[in-house]
Amino acid sequence: MLASGNNSLHPVSFILLGIPGLENYQFGIAFPLCAMYLVAIVGNVIVLHIVRTDHTLHEPMYLFLAMLAVTDLALSSSTQPKMLAILWFHAHEIEYHACLIQVFFIHAFSSVESGLLMAMALDRYVAICFPLHHSTVLTPAVVGKLGAAVMMRGLLWVSPFCFMVSRMPFCTNRVIPQSYCEHMAVLKLVCADTRVNRAYGLFVAFSVAVFDIIVISISYVMILRTVLKLPSEEARLKAFGTCASHICVILALYIPALFTFLTHRFGHHVPRVVHVMFANLYLLVPPMLNPIIYAVRTKQIRDRVIQGCCGKDP
């Protein structure tokens, strides 16, 4: 069924297939996905609680970590409840505007997550290369402004996705062969010239990812140069240790994101089931791994988790 308005014709709803090719296994696949989602929710809520209640952690690194936890909660919760409803209860239909909202949340918060990783790299650069000036350069006000700038970039860059798509006519086919609404998947259902939309999508993807990766790379090259000049091996290991968790988080985000992006546009010979599974994991694995990595690698977070679990002082 199609609904008309504002000179455009759009369906009342779309049909999300879930995981095409694995229809007979979708019910069982939902259990590990649900477990990963619960770990993401619990882990990020714990990180938020620790940073909020412990005033000694109101430093740039932990404030950025709290922002990252909020972003992970929003990113995973924008897709996982509907995905589990599809896999368990065959609730394949999603309302048109709900689909566009999902597109907005997925791309906006993916941009925010990338921007926060960039900001965290800058924090590590200042902390290691200019330790005496760290507290004066990255004040709480500066951290707040960086977080706000990253959020505004995500909102302003992604908003045109939904606006442009909402003004275009759709074909009668309303089936999306995956578990959630994503910009390129929705765009394939449009019955009009989508070159401008595709070009803008590529511009946003490359402008966000390339800029953030360049800043992260330069930051870590400068960090590496500084660390290698340290006279003490113990000091070098300590400096590397402070960066290890951040590097793991960066890899957890960018590797599946890059694979998903490239296969969606150029990987026509990649089996659909492989693409769909990677697309699902791309939005679930980073939010799940981030609190685990920081809980294991960051002594302050780890000590407070142990203290909360065991009721003992670290």
Protein backbone atom coordinates (compact mmCIF):
# COMPACT_ATOMS: atom_id res chain seq x y z
CA MET A 1 0.00 0.00 0.00
CA LEU A 2 1.30 3.45 -0.93
CA ALA A 3 0.59 6.75 0.82
CA SER A 4 0.90 10.07 -0.94
CA GLY A 5 1.93 13.44 0.40
CA ASN A 6 4.18 16.40 -0.41
CA ASN A 7 4.31 15.37 -4.07
CA SER A 8 5.93 12.06 -3.17
CA LEU A 9 4.62 8.51 -3.02
CA HIS A 10 5.86 6.28 -0.25
CA PRO A 11 4.78 2.94 1.21
CA VAL A 12 2.94 2.79 4.50
CA SER A 13 5.54 0.29 5.69
CA PHE A 14 8.50 -1.81 4.64
CA ILE A 15 9.19 -5.53 5.10
CA LEU A 16 12.47 -6.46 6.77
CA LEU A 17 13.45 -10.01 5.87
CA GLY A 18 15.89 -10.54 8.73
CA ILE A 19 18.72 -12.82 7.57
CA PRO A 20 17.89 -14.06 4.05
CA GLY A 21 19.24 -17.56 3.42
CA LEU A 22 19.13 -18.54 7.07
CA GLU A 23 15.36 -18.46 7.60
CA ASN A 24 15.37 -21.90 9.22
CA TYR A 25 18.03 -20.85 11.74
CA GLN A 26 16.90 -17.33 12.58
CA PHE A 27 15.18 -18.32 15.83
CA GLY A 28 18.39 -19.88 17.18
CA ILE A 29 20.64 -17.11 15.84
CA ALA A 30 18.61 -14.59 17.85
CA PHE A 31 19.82 -16.03 21.18
CA PRO A 32 23.53 -15.12 20.82
CA LEU A 33 22.52 -11.76 19.32
CA CYS A 34 20.29 -11.15 22.34
CA ALA A 35 23.10 -12.13 24.70
CA MET A 36 25.48 -9.72 22.95
CA TYR A 37 22.88 -6.95 23.18
CA LEU A 38 22.37 -7.56 26.90
CA VAL A 39 26.14 -7.45 27.46
CA ALA A 40 26.27 -4.15 25.55
CA ILE A 41 23.43 -2.65 27.62
CA VAL A 42 24.72 -3.82 31.00
CA GLY A 43 28.37 -3.02 30.23
CA ASN A 44 27.72 0.51 28.99
CA VAL A 45 25.31 1.29 31.83
CA ILE A 46 27.98 0.15 34.33
CA VAL A 47 30.60 2.37 32.67
CA LEU A 48 28.21 5.33 32.75
CA HIS A 49 27.39 4.71 36.41
CA ILE A 50 31.05 4.43 37.42
CA VAL A 51 32.07 7.63 35.61
CA ARG A 52 29.04 9.54 36.91
CA THR A 53 29.42 8.55 40.57
CA ASP A 54 33.22 8.63 40.90
CA HIS A 55 34.36 12.27 40.79
CA THR A 56 38.01 11.22 40.47
CA LEU A 57 37.12 9.95 37.00
CA HIS A 58 35.82 13.30 35.77
CA GLU A 59 38.82 13.61 33.49
CA PRO A 60 38.87 13.90 29.66
CA MET A 61 39.52 10.21 28.97
CA TYR A 62 36.65 9.04 31.16
CA LEU A 63 34.27 11.80 30.07
CA PHE A 64 34.83 10.74 26.46
CA LEU A 65 34.34 7.14 27.56
CA ALA A 66 30.97 8.07 29.09
CA MET A 67 29.96 9.79 25.83
CA LEU A 68 31.00 6.66 23.95
CA ALA A 69 28.85 4.53 26.28
CA VAL A 70 25.79 6.72 25.59
CA THR A 71 26.45 6.47 21.85
CA ASP A 72 26.79 2.69 22.04
CA LEU A 73 23.50 2.42 23.92
CA ALA A 74 21.72 4.52 21.29
CA LEU A 75 23.36 2.73 18.36
CA SER A 76 22.63 -0.81 19.55
CA SER A 77 19.12 0.00 20.78
CA SER A 78 18.17 1.56 17.45
CA THR A 79 18.35 -1.84 15.73
CA GLN A 80 18.48 -4.78 18.13
CA PRO A 81 14.94 -4.78 19.62
CA LYS A 82 13.38 -4.78 16.15
CA MET A 83 15.89 -7.35 14.92
CA LEU A 84 15.05 -9.72 17.77
CA ALA A 85 11.33 -9.20 17.11
CA ILE A 86 11.91 -10.23 13.49
CA LEU A 87 13.96 -13.32 14.34
CA TRP A 88 11.78 -14.55 17.22
CA PHE A 89 8.26 -13.32 16.45
CA HIS A 90 8.36 -12.80 12.65
CA ALA A 91 7.48 -9.11 13.11
CA HIS A 92 8.87 -8.21 9.69
CA GLU A 93 6.85 -5.06 9.05
CA ILE A 94 8.25 -1.63 9.98
CA GLU A 95 6.32 1.61 9.53
CA TYR A 96 7.69 4.04 6.93
CA HIS A 97 8.58 6.87 9.33
CA ALA A 98 9.99 4.41 11.88
CA CYS A 99 12.26 3.12 9.12
CA LEU A 100 13.52 6.63 8.33
CA ILE A 101 14.10 7.28 12.04
CA GLN A 102 16.14 4.08 12.20
CA VAL A 103 18.19 5.23 9.19
CA PHE A 104 18.84 8.52 10.96
CA PHE A 105 19.87 6.94 14.28
CA ILE A 106 22.15 4.35 12.68
CA HIS A 107 24.11 6.79 10.53
CA ALA A 108 24.11 9.73 12.95
CA PHE A 109 25.39 7.72 15.91
CA SER A 110 27.88 5.81 13.74
CA SER A 111 29.31 9.23 12.83
CA VAL A 112 29.28 10.29 16.49
CA GLU A 113 31.09 7.09 17.53
CA SER A 114 33.79 7.67 14.93
CA GLY A 115 34.15 11.29 16.03
CA LEU A 116 34.47 10.31 19.68
CA LEU A 117 37.25 7.85 18.84
CA MET A 118 39.01 10.71 17.07
CA ALA A 119 38.57 12.96 20.12
CA MET A 120 39.90 10.19 22.37
CA ALA A 121 42.96 9.87 20.13
CA LEU A 122 43.58 13.61 20.52
CA ASP A 123 43.24 13.21 24.28
CA ARG A 124 45.87 10.44 24.31
CA TYR A 125 48.13 12.58 22.11
CA VAL A 126 47.99 15.55 24.49
CA ALA A 127 48.29 13.32 27.59
CA ILE A 128 51.42 11.52 26.33
CA CYS A 129 53.14 14.20 24.25
CA PHE A 130 52.31 17.20 26.48
CA PRO A 131 51.56 15.71 29.92
CA LEU A 132 52.21 18.96 31.82
CA HIS A 133 49.62 20.82 29.75
CA HIS A 134 46.98 18.07 29.55
CA SER A 135 44.73 19.42 32.30
CA THR A 136 44.92 22.99 31.00
CA VAL A 137 44.37 22.14 27.32
CA LEU A 138 41.59 19.58 27.71
CA THR A 139 39.45 21.19 30.39
CA PRO A 140 35.93 19.86 31.06
CA ALA A 141 34.57 22.79 29.03
CA VAL A 142 36.75 21.87 26.04
CA VAL A 143 35.74 18.22 26.35
CA GLY A 144 32.08 19.25 26.37
CA LYS A 145 32.56 21.43 23.29
CA LEU A 146 34.34 18.60 21.45
CA GLY A 147 31.51 16.21 22.32
CA ALA A 148 28.91 18.75 21.19
CA ALA A 149 30.77 19.36 17.91
CA VAL A 150 30.94 15.62 17.19
CA MET A 151 27.21 15.27 17.93
CA MET A 152 26.28 18.26 15.74
CA ARG A 153 28.38 16.89 12.89
CA GLY A 154 26.47 13.61 13.03
CA LEU A 155 23.08 15.31 13.17
CA LEU A 156 23.76 17.88 10.44
CA TRP A 157 25.55 15.49 8.05
CA VAL A 158 22.95 12.71 8.29
CA SER A 159 19.70 14.72 8.43
CA PRO A 160 19.68 15.30 4.62
CA PHE A 161 19.59 11.48 4.12
CA CYS A 162 16.10 11.25 5.55
CA PHE A 163 14.90 14.53 4.03
CA MET A 164 15.97 13.63 0.49
CA VAL A 165 14.60 10.10 0.68
CA SER A 166 11.28 11.31 2.08
CA ARG A 167 10.79 13.53 -0.98
CA MET A 168 11.22 10.69 -3.49
CA PRO A 169 8.70 8.20 -4.96
CA PHE A 170 9.01 4.52 -4.12
CA CYS A 171 8.41 1.47 -6.25
CA THR A 172 5.81 -1.14 -5.33
CA ASN A 173 8.55 -3.41 -3.99
CA ARG A 174 8.91 -2.65 -0.27
CA VAL A 175 11.11 -5.56 0.81
CA ILE A 176 14.44 -4.77 2.50
CA PRO A 177 16.61 -7.93 2.49
CA GLN A 178 18.21 -7.37 5.88
CA SER A 179 17.37 -6.82 9.55
CA TYR A 180 17.17 -3.03 9.74
CA CYS A 181 16.66 0.09 7.61
CA GLU A 182 19.90 1.45 6.21
CA HIS A 183 20.32 4.34 3.78
CA MET A 184 21.54 2.36 0.77
CA ALA A 185 19.02 -0.45 1.33
CA VAL A 186 16.10 2.03 1.42
CA LEU A 187 17.49 3.94 -1.55
CA LYS A 188 17.34 0.79 -3.70
CA LEU A 189 13.53 0.84 -3.37
CA VAL A 190 13.21 4.35 -4.84
CA CYS A 191 11.71 4.69 -8.33
CA ALA A 192 13.72 7.74 -9.38
CA ASP A 193 17.23 8.89 -10.17
CA THR A 194 19.20 8.45 -6.94
CA ARG A 195 22.62 9.61 -8.14
CA VAL A 196 22.52 12.74 -5.98
CA ASN A 197 21.55 10.69 -2.93
CA ARG A 198 24.29 8.14 -3.57
CA ALA A 199 26.88 10.86 -4.17
CA TYR A 200 25.91 12.60 -0.94
CA GLY A 201 26.06 9.30 0.94
CA LEU A 202 29.58 8.67 -0.34
CA PHE A 203 30.59 12.23 0.52
CA VAL A 204 29.37 11.87 4.10
CA ALA A 205 30.95 8.44 4.55
CA PHE A 206 34.33 9.51 3.21
CA SER A 207 34.37 12.98 4.80
CA VAL A 208 33.62 11.51 8.23
CA ALA A 209 35.70 8.33 8.09
CA VAL A 210 38.69 9.73 6.18
CA PHE A 211 38.96 12.85 8.33
CA ASP A 212 38.66 10.89 11.58
CA ILE A 213 41.11 8.18 10.46
CA ILE A 214 43.65 10.80 9.36
CA VAL A 215 43.46 12.60 12.72
CA ILE A 216 43.68 9.29 14.61
CA SER A 217 46.64 8.14 12.50
CA ILE A 218 48.56 11.41 12.92
CA SER A 219 47.88 11.37 16.67
CA TYR A 220 49.26 7.86 17.05
CA VAL A 221 52.29 8.53 14.86
CA MET A 222 53.16 11.46 17.12
CA ILE A 223 52.46 9.32 20.20
CA LEU A 224 54.72 6.55 18.86
CA ARG A 225 57.54 9.01 18.20
CA THR A 226 57.26 10.39 21.74
CA VAL A 227 57.02 6.98 23.40
CA LEU A 228 60.05 5.60 21.60
CA LYS A 229 62.10 8.52 22.94
CA LEU A 230 61.29 7.67 26.56
CA PRO A 231 64.43 6.48 28.39
CA SER A 232 62.73 3.87 30.54
CA GLU A 233 61.31 0.65 29.13
CA GLU A 234 58.76 0.63 31.95
CA ALA A 235 57.59 4.11 30.95
CA ARG A 236 57.31 3.01 27.32
CA LEU A 237 55.22 -0.03 28.26
CA LYS A 238 52.97 2.08 30.47
CA ALA A 239 52.41 4.58 27.65
CA PHE A 240 51.64 1.82 25.17
CA GLY A 241 49.27 0.26 27.70
CA THR A 242 47.22 3.46 27.99
CA CYS A 243 46.70 3.40 24.21
CA ALA A 244 46.11 -0.33 23.74
CA SER A 245 42.44 -0.28 24.76
CA HIS A 246 41.72 2.66 22.48
CA ILE A 247 43.40 0.95 19.51
CA CYS A 248 41.33 -2.21 20.11
CA VAL A 249 38.12 -0.15 20.13
CA ILE A 250 39.14 1.61 16.90
CA LEU A 251 39.78 -1.72 15.16
CA ALA A 252 36.49 -3.16 16.45
CA LEU A 253 34.59 -0.28 14.84
CA TYR A 254 36.41 0.37 11.58
CA ILE A 255 37.12 -3.18 10.34
CA PRO A 256 33.49 -4.40 10.18
CA ALA A 257 32.30 -0.91 9.16
CA LEU A 258 34.72 -0.84 6.22
CA PHE A 259 33.75 -4.34 5.13
CA THR A 260 30.03 -3.50 5.33
CA PHE A 261 30.48 -0.24 3.41
CA LEU A 262 32.55 -1.78 0.62
CA THR A 263 30.38 -4.88 0.14
CA HIS A 264 27.20 -2.77 0.06
CA ARG A 265 28.54 -0.75 -2.86
CA PHE A 266 31.08 -2.91 -4.65
CA GLY A 267 30.84 -6.46 -3.30
CA HIS A 268 28.25 -7.80 -5.74
CA HIS A 269 29.78 -11.29 -5.57
CA VAL A 270 29.78 -11.46 -1.77
CA PRO A 271 26.99 -13.82 -0.59
CA ARG A 272 24.06 -11.85 0.79
CA VAL A 273 24.05 -13.82 4.03
CA VAL A 274 27.68 -12.81 4.68
CA HIS A 275 26.89 -9.16 4.06
CA VAL A 276 23.79 -9.21 6.28
CA MET A 277 25.60 -10.94 9.15
CA PHE A 278 28.47 -8.44 9.01
CA ALA A 279 25.97 -5.57 8.86
CA ASN A 280 24.30 -6.90 12.01
CA LEU A 281 27.58 -7.45 13.85
CA TYR A 282 28.90 -4.02 12.82
CA LEU A 283 26.18 -2.36 14.91
CA LEU A 284 26.42 -4.82 17.81
CA VAL A 285 30.03 -5.90 18.31
CA PRO A 286 31.57 -2.45 19.06
CA PRO A 287 28.90 -1.52 21.67
CA MET A 288 29.43 -4.93 23.28
CA LEU A 289 33.24 -4.92 23.18
CA ASN A 290 33.89 -1.30 24.19
CA PRO A 291 32.94 -1.60 27.89
CA ILE A 292 34.64 -5.01 28.12
CA ILE A 293 37.88 -3.70 26.62
CA TYR A 294 37.95 -0.66 28.87
CA ALA A 295 37.00 -2.70 31.95
CA VAL A 296 39.89 -5.10 31.28
CA ARG A 297 42.50 -2.61 30.08
CA THR A 298 41.75 0.43 32.28
CA LYS A 299 42.79 -0.06 35.93
CA GLN A 300 40.48 2.63 37.33
CA ILE A 301 37.39 1.13 35.65
CA ARG A 302 38.46 -2.44 36.42
CA ASP A 303 39.04 -1.67 40.11
CA ARG A 304 35.62 -0.11 40.51
CA VAL A 305 33.91 -3.00 38.76
CA ILE A 306 35.68 -5.45 41.11
CA GLN A 307 34.82 -3.26 44.07
CA GLY A 308 31.16 -3.18 43.04
CA CYS A 309 31.02 -6.95 42.49
CA CYS A 310 32.93 -8.03 45.58
CA GLY A 311 32.15 -5.15 47.91
CA LYS A 312 35.85 -4.65 48.59
CA ASP A 313 38.21 -1.75 48.20
CA PRO A 314 40.48 -2.10 45.16
